N, C-alpha and C. Protein backbone atom coordinates (compact mmCIF):
# COMPACT_ATOMS: atom_id res chain seq x y z
N MET A 1 -8.45 98.50 6.92
CA MET A 1 -9.62 97.96 7.59
C MET A 1 -9.51 98.33 9.07
N ASN A 2 -10.56 98.92 9.61
CA ASN A 2 -10.51 99.29 11.02
C ASN A 2 -10.87 98.08 11.90
N ASN A 3 -10.77 98.26 13.19
CA ASN A 3 -10.95 97.15 14.14
C ASN A 3 -12.36 96.57 14.10
N VAL A 4 -13.35 97.41 13.93
CA VAL A 4 -14.74 96.93 13.88
C VAL A 4 -14.95 96.06 12.65
N GLU A 5 -14.48 96.53 11.50
CA GLU A 5 -14.62 95.74 10.28
C GLU A 5 -13.85 94.43 10.38
N ARG A 6 -12.68 94.49 10.98
CA ARG A 6 -11.87 93.28 11.16
C ARG A 6 -12.59 92.28 12.07
N LEU A 7 -13.18 92.78 13.14
CA LEU A 7 -13.92 91.92 14.06
C LEU A 7 -15.13 91.32 13.36
N GLN A 8 -15.84 92.12 12.57
CA GLN A 8 -17.00 91.60 11.84
C GLN A 8 -16.58 90.52 10.85
N GLN A 9 -15.49 90.76 10.14
CA GLN A 9 -15.00 89.78 9.16
C GLN A 9 -14.57 88.49 9.85
N THR A 10 -13.88 88.63 10.98
CA THR A 10 -13.42 87.45 11.73
C THR A 10 -14.61 86.65 12.24
N THR A 11 -15.62 87.35 12.74
CA THR A 11 -16.84 86.69 13.22
C THR A 11 -17.55 85.96 12.08
N LYS A 12 -17.63 86.62 10.92
CA LYS A 12 -18.26 85.99 9.75
C LYS A 12 -17.46 84.77 9.31
N ASP A 13 -16.15 84.89 9.27
CA ASP A 13 -15.29 83.76 8.89
C ASP A 13 -15.46 82.60 9.86
N PHE A 14 -15.52 82.91 11.15
CA PHE A 14 -15.69 81.85 12.14
C PHE A 14 -17.05 81.17 11.98
N ALA A 15 -18.09 81.94 11.75
CA ALA A 15 -19.43 81.36 11.56
C ALA A 15 -19.46 80.47 10.33
N ASP A 16 -18.85 80.94 9.23
CA ASP A 16 -18.80 80.13 8.01
C ASP A 16 -18.03 78.83 8.25
N THR A 17 -16.93 78.95 8.98
CA THR A 17 -16.11 77.78 9.28
C THR A 17 -16.88 76.79 10.16
N ALA A 18 -17.56 77.30 11.16
CA ALA A 18 -18.35 76.44 12.05
C ALA A 18 -19.46 75.73 11.28
N THR A 19 -20.09 76.43 10.35
CA THR A 19 -21.14 75.84 9.53
C THR A 19 -20.58 74.73 8.64
N ALA A 20 -19.44 75.02 8.00
CA ALA A 20 -18.82 74.00 7.15
C ALA A 20 -18.40 72.78 7.96
N SER A 21 -17.86 73.02 9.14
CA SER A 21 -17.43 71.93 10.00
C SER A 21 -18.62 71.10 10.47
N ALA A 22 -19.71 71.76 10.82
CA ALA A 22 -20.91 71.05 11.27
C ALA A 22 -21.50 70.20 10.15
N HIS A 23 -21.49 70.74 8.94
CA HIS A 23 -22.00 69.99 7.79
C HIS A 23 -21.13 68.74 7.56
N THR A 24 -19.82 68.93 7.60
CA THR A 24 -18.90 67.80 7.43
C THR A 24 -19.11 66.77 8.52
N PHE A 25 -19.27 67.24 9.75
CA PHE A 25 -19.51 66.33 10.87
C PHE A 25 -20.77 65.51 10.65
N ALA A 26 -21.83 66.16 10.22
CA ALA A 26 -23.11 65.47 10.02
C ALA A 26 -23.00 64.39 8.95
N THR A 27 -22.37 64.71 7.83
CA THR A 27 -22.26 63.72 6.77
C THR A 27 -21.32 62.58 7.17
N SER A 28 -20.23 62.92 7.84
CA SER A 28 -19.30 61.87 8.28
C SER A 28 -19.95 60.99 9.35
N PHE A 29 -20.70 61.61 10.24
CA PHE A 29 -21.36 60.83 11.29
C PHE A 29 -22.41 59.90 10.70
N GLN A 30 -23.07 60.35 9.67
CA GLN A 30 -24.05 59.50 8.98
C GLN A 30 -23.35 58.29 8.35
N THR A 31 -22.19 58.51 7.78
CA THR A 31 -21.41 57.42 7.20
C THR A 31 -21.01 56.42 8.28
N ILE A 32 -20.58 56.94 9.42
CA ILE A 32 -20.18 56.07 10.53
C ILE A 32 -21.37 55.28 11.06
N ALA A 33 -22.50 55.93 11.19
CA ALA A 33 -23.71 55.24 11.66
C ALA A 33 -24.11 54.13 10.70
N SER A 34 -23.99 54.39 9.42
CA SER A 34 -24.30 53.35 8.42
C SER A 34 -23.33 52.19 8.52
N ALA A 35 -22.05 52.50 8.77
CA ALA A 35 -21.05 51.44 8.92
C ALA A 35 -21.35 50.58 10.15
N HIS A 36 -21.75 51.22 11.25
CA HIS A 36 -22.13 50.46 12.44
C HIS A 36 -23.35 49.58 12.17
N ALA A 37 -24.33 50.13 11.47
CA ALA A 37 -25.54 49.36 11.15
C ALA A 37 -25.21 48.18 10.24
N ASP A 38 -24.34 48.40 9.26
CA ASP A 38 -23.93 47.32 8.37
C ASP A 38 -23.22 46.21 9.14
N PHE A 39 -22.35 46.62 10.06
CA PHE A 39 -21.63 45.65 10.87
C PHE A 39 -22.61 44.84 11.74
N ALA A 40 -23.56 45.51 12.36
CA ALA A 40 -24.55 44.81 13.18
C ALA A 40 -25.38 43.84 12.33
N LYS A 41 -25.75 44.27 11.13
CA LYS A 41 -26.52 43.42 10.23
C LYS A 41 -25.70 42.19 9.83
N LYS A 42 -24.43 42.42 9.50
CA LYS A 42 -23.54 41.33 9.11
C LYS A 42 -23.36 40.36 10.29
N LEU A 43 -23.23 40.89 11.47
CA LEU A 43 -23.05 40.07 12.67
C LEU A 43 -24.30 39.22 12.94
N MET A 44 -25.47 39.82 12.80
CA MET A 44 -26.71 39.07 13.02
C MET A 44 -26.86 37.95 11.99
N GLN A 45 -26.51 38.24 10.75
CA GLN A 45 -26.60 37.23 9.70
C GLN A 45 -25.62 36.09 9.98
N HIS A 46 -24.41 36.45 10.37
CA HIS A 46 -23.39 35.44 10.68
C HIS A 46 -23.84 34.56 11.86
N ASN A 47 -24.39 35.18 12.89
CA ASN A 47 -24.88 34.42 14.04
C ASN A 47 -26.05 33.52 13.67
N SER A 48 -26.93 34.00 12.82
CA SER A 48 -28.07 33.20 12.38
C SER A 48 -27.60 31.97 11.60
N GLU A 49 -26.64 32.16 10.72
CA GLU A 49 -26.09 31.04 9.95
C GLU A 49 -25.42 30.02 10.88
N PHE A 50 -24.72 30.52 11.88
CA PHE A 50 -24.06 29.64 12.84
C PHE A 50 -25.09 28.82 13.61
N MET A 51 -26.15 29.45 14.04
CA MET A 51 -27.18 28.73 14.80
C MET A 51 -27.86 27.67 13.93
N SER A 52 -28.08 27.99 12.66
CA SER A 52 -28.70 26.99 11.80
C SER A 52 -27.75 25.82 11.55
N GLN A 53 -26.45 26.10 11.46
CA GLN A 53 -25.48 25.02 11.32
C GLN A 53 -25.46 24.14 12.57
N LEU A 54 -25.52 24.78 13.73
CA LEU A 54 -25.49 24.02 14.98
C LEU A 54 -26.69 23.08 15.11
N SER A 55 -27.82 23.52 14.63
CA SER A 55 -29.03 22.70 14.78
C SER A 55 -28.97 21.42 13.95
N SER A 56 -28.13 21.39 12.93
CA SER A 56 -28.06 20.21 12.07
C SER A 56 -26.90 19.27 12.41
N ILE A 57 -26.10 19.62 13.39
CA ILE A 57 -24.91 18.82 13.73
C ILE A 57 -25.31 17.66 14.66
N LYS A 58 -24.78 16.49 14.34
CA LYS A 58 -25.06 15.29 15.13
C LYS A 58 -23.81 14.76 15.84
N GLU A 59 -22.63 15.14 15.36
CA GLU A 59 -21.38 14.59 15.90
C GLU A 59 -20.61 15.65 16.68
N PRO A 60 -20.03 15.28 17.82
CA PRO A 60 -19.25 16.23 18.63
C PRO A 60 -18.03 16.79 17.88
N ALA A 61 -17.39 15.98 17.06
CA ALA A 61 -16.22 16.46 16.31
C ALA A 61 -16.62 17.55 15.33
N LYS A 62 -17.73 17.36 14.68
CA LYS A 62 -18.22 18.37 13.72
C LYS A 62 -18.62 19.65 14.46
N LEU A 63 -19.18 19.47 15.65
CA LEU A 63 -19.56 20.62 16.48
C LEU A 63 -18.34 21.49 16.79
N MET A 64 -17.25 20.85 17.18
CA MET A 64 -16.02 21.58 17.50
C MET A 64 -15.47 22.28 16.25
N GLU A 65 -15.55 21.62 15.13
CA GLU A 65 -15.06 22.20 13.88
C GLU A 65 -15.86 23.45 13.50
N VAL A 66 -17.18 23.34 13.57
CA VAL A 66 -18.06 24.46 13.21
C VAL A 66 -17.87 25.61 14.19
N GLN A 67 -17.76 25.28 15.46
CA GLN A 67 -17.58 26.31 16.48
C GLN A 67 -16.23 27.02 16.31
N SER A 68 -15.19 26.28 16.03
CA SER A 68 -13.87 26.88 15.81
C SER A 68 -13.89 27.81 14.60
N GLU A 69 -14.52 27.38 13.54
CA GLU A 69 -14.63 28.21 12.34
C GLU A 69 -15.43 29.49 12.62
N TYR A 70 -16.49 29.35 13.41
CA TYR A 70 -17.31 30.50 13.78
C TYR A 70 -16.48 31.52 14.57
N VAL A 71 -15.74 31.05 15.55
CA VAL A 71 -14.93 31.94 16.38
C VAL A 71 -13.86 32.63 15.53
N LYS A 72 -13.22 31.87 14.66
CA LYS A 72 -12.18 32.43 13.78
C LYS A 72 -12.77 33.51 12.88
N ASN A 73 -13.88 33.21 12.24
CA ASN A 73 -14.51 34.18 11.35
C ASN A 73 -15.01 35.41 12.11
N SER A 74 -15.55 35.18 13.30
CA SER A 74 -16.03 36.30 14.11
C SER A 74 -14.89 37.23 14.48
N TYR A 75 -13.78 36.67 14.89
CA TYR A 75 -12.62 37.47 15.26
C TYR A 75 -12.09 38.27 14.07
N GLU A 76 -11.94 37.61 12.93
CA GLU A 76 -11.44 38.29 11.73
C GLU A 76 -12.37 39.42 11.29
N THR A 77 -13.66 39.16 11.35
CA THR A 77 -14.64 40.18 10.98
C THR A 77 -14.58 41.35 11.95
N PHE A 78 -14.50 41.05 13.24
CA PHE A 78 -14.42 42.11 14.25
C PHE A 78 -13.19 42.98 14.05
N VAL A 79 -12.05 42.38 13.81
CA VAL A 79 -10.81 43.14 13.62
C VAL A 79 -10.91 44.01 12.37
N ALA A 80 -11.40 43.45 11.28
CA ALA A 80 -11.52 44.21 10.03
C ALA A 80 -12.50 45.37 10.18
N GLU A 81 -13.64 45.12 10.78
CA GLU A 81 -14.64 46.18 10.96
C GLU A 81 -14.16 47.23 11.94
N SER A 82 -13.46 46.82 12.98
CA SER A 82 -12.92 47.78 13.95
C SER A 82 -11.91 48.70 13.28
N LYS A 83 -11.08 48.13 12.44
CA LYS A 83 -10.09 48.93 11.72
C LYS A 83 -10.79 49.92 10.78
N ARG A 84 -11.80 49.45 10.10
CA ARG A 84 -12.53 50.31 9.17
C ARG A 84 -13.24 51.44 9.91
N LEU A 85 -13.85 51.12 11.06
CA LEU A 85 -14.54 52.15 11.84
C LEU A 85 -13.54 53.15 12.43
N ALA A 86 -12.40 52.66 12.87
CA ALA A 86 -11.37 53.56 13.41
C ALA A 86 -10.92 54.54 12.33
N GLU A 87 -10.77 54.06 11.10
CA GLU A 87 -10.39 54.94 9.99
C GLU A 87 -11.48 55.98 9.71
N LEU A 88 -12.73 55.56 9.81
CA LEU A 88 -13.83 56.51 9.60
C LEU A 88 -13.85 57.58 10.69
N TYR A 89 -13.61 57.19 11.94
CA TYR A 89 -13.57 58.17 13.03
C TYR A 89 -12.38 59.12 12.86
N ALA A 90 -11.23 58.59 12.45
CA ALA A 90 -10.06 59.45 12.22
C ALA A 90 -10.35 60.44 11.09
N ASP A 91 -10.99 59.96 10.03
CA ASP A 91 -11.34 60.84 8.92
C ASP A 91 -12.35 61.90 9.38
N LEU A 92 -13.29 61.51 10.22
CA LEU A 92 -14.26 62.46 10.77
C LEU A 92 -13.53 63.59 11.50
N PHE A 93 -12.59 63.24 12.34
CA PHE A 93 -11.86 64.25 13.09
C PHE A 93 -11.07 65.17 12.16
N LYS A 94 -10.37 64.57 11.20
CA LYS A 94 -9.55 65.37 10.27
C LYS A 94 -10.42 66.32 9.45
N ARG A 95 -11.51 65.80 8.91
CA ARG A 95 -12.36 66.62 8.05
C ARG A 95 -13.12 67.68 8.83
N THR A 96 -13.45 67.40 10.09
CA THR A 96 -14.19 68.37 10.90
C THR A 96 -13.28 69.51 11.36
N THR A 97 -12.03 69.20 11.65
CA THR A 97 -11.12 70.23 12.14
C THR A 97 -10.42 70.98 11.00
N LYS A 98 -10.44 70.47 9.80
CA LYS A 98 -9.74 71.09 8.67
C LYS A 98 -10.18 72.54 8.43
N PRO A 99 -11.48 72.87 8.43
CA PRO A 99 -11.86 74.27 8.22
C PRO A 99 -11.28 75.21 9.28
N PHE A 100 -11.21 74.72 10.53
CA PHE A 100 -10.65 75.55 11.59
C PHE A 100 -9.14 75.74 11.42
N GLU A 101 -8.46 74.69 10.98
CA GLU A 101 -7.03 74.81 10.71
C GLU A 101 -6.78 75.84 9.62
N ASP A 102 -7.60 75.80 8.58
CA ASP A 102 -7.47 76.76 7.49
C ASP A 102 -7.73 78.18 7.98
N LEU A 103 -8.73 78.36 8.83
CA LEU A 103 -9.04 79.67 9.37
C LEU A 103 -7.89 80.21 10.23
N ILE A 104 -7.31 79.34 11.05
CA ILE A 104 -6.19 79.75 11.88
C ILE A 104 -5.00 80.15 11.02
N ALA A 105 -4.73 79.36 9.99
CA ALA A 105 -3.62 79.68 9.09
C ALA A 105 -3.86 81.01 8.38
N LYS A 106 -5.10 81.26 7.98
CA LYS A 106 -5.45 82.50 7.30
C LYS A 106 -5.24 83.69 8.24
N ASN A 107 -5.67 83.54 9.50
CA ASN A 107 -5.53 84.64 10.46
C ASN A 107 -4.08 84.87 10.86
N LYS A 108 -3.27 83.83 10.88
CA LYS A 108 -1.85 84.02 11.19
C LYS A 108 -1.16 84.77 10.07
N ALA A 109 -1.57 84.48 8.83
CA ALA A 109 -0.95 85.13 7.68
C ALA A 109 -1.34 86.60 7.61
N ALA A 110 -2.51 86.95 8.12
CA ALA A 110 -2.99 88.34 8.03
C ALA A 110 -2.37 89.24 9.05
């Protein structure tokens, strides 16, 4: 294979890799956006339930109990969702860079 053909093949390989990576990025980003939307929806629902509970409370002791439970649940939900989103972002990075890693390995072997 002469230099021109090699350059053309490398350019084609890079374009194919970039296309595959962009497609992976788009689908992964859509998954992440859905996860953010689900978290926001869950948070709004949780806040709405908390506000309705607050409106029916007559005793200060019960108020403290409900508020403590709300804070505890909010924290646990935040930590769990943050961990899940971090895993999705890590997977996005791995899956987006994988085609380029494969291309580099292929070119090193050649």
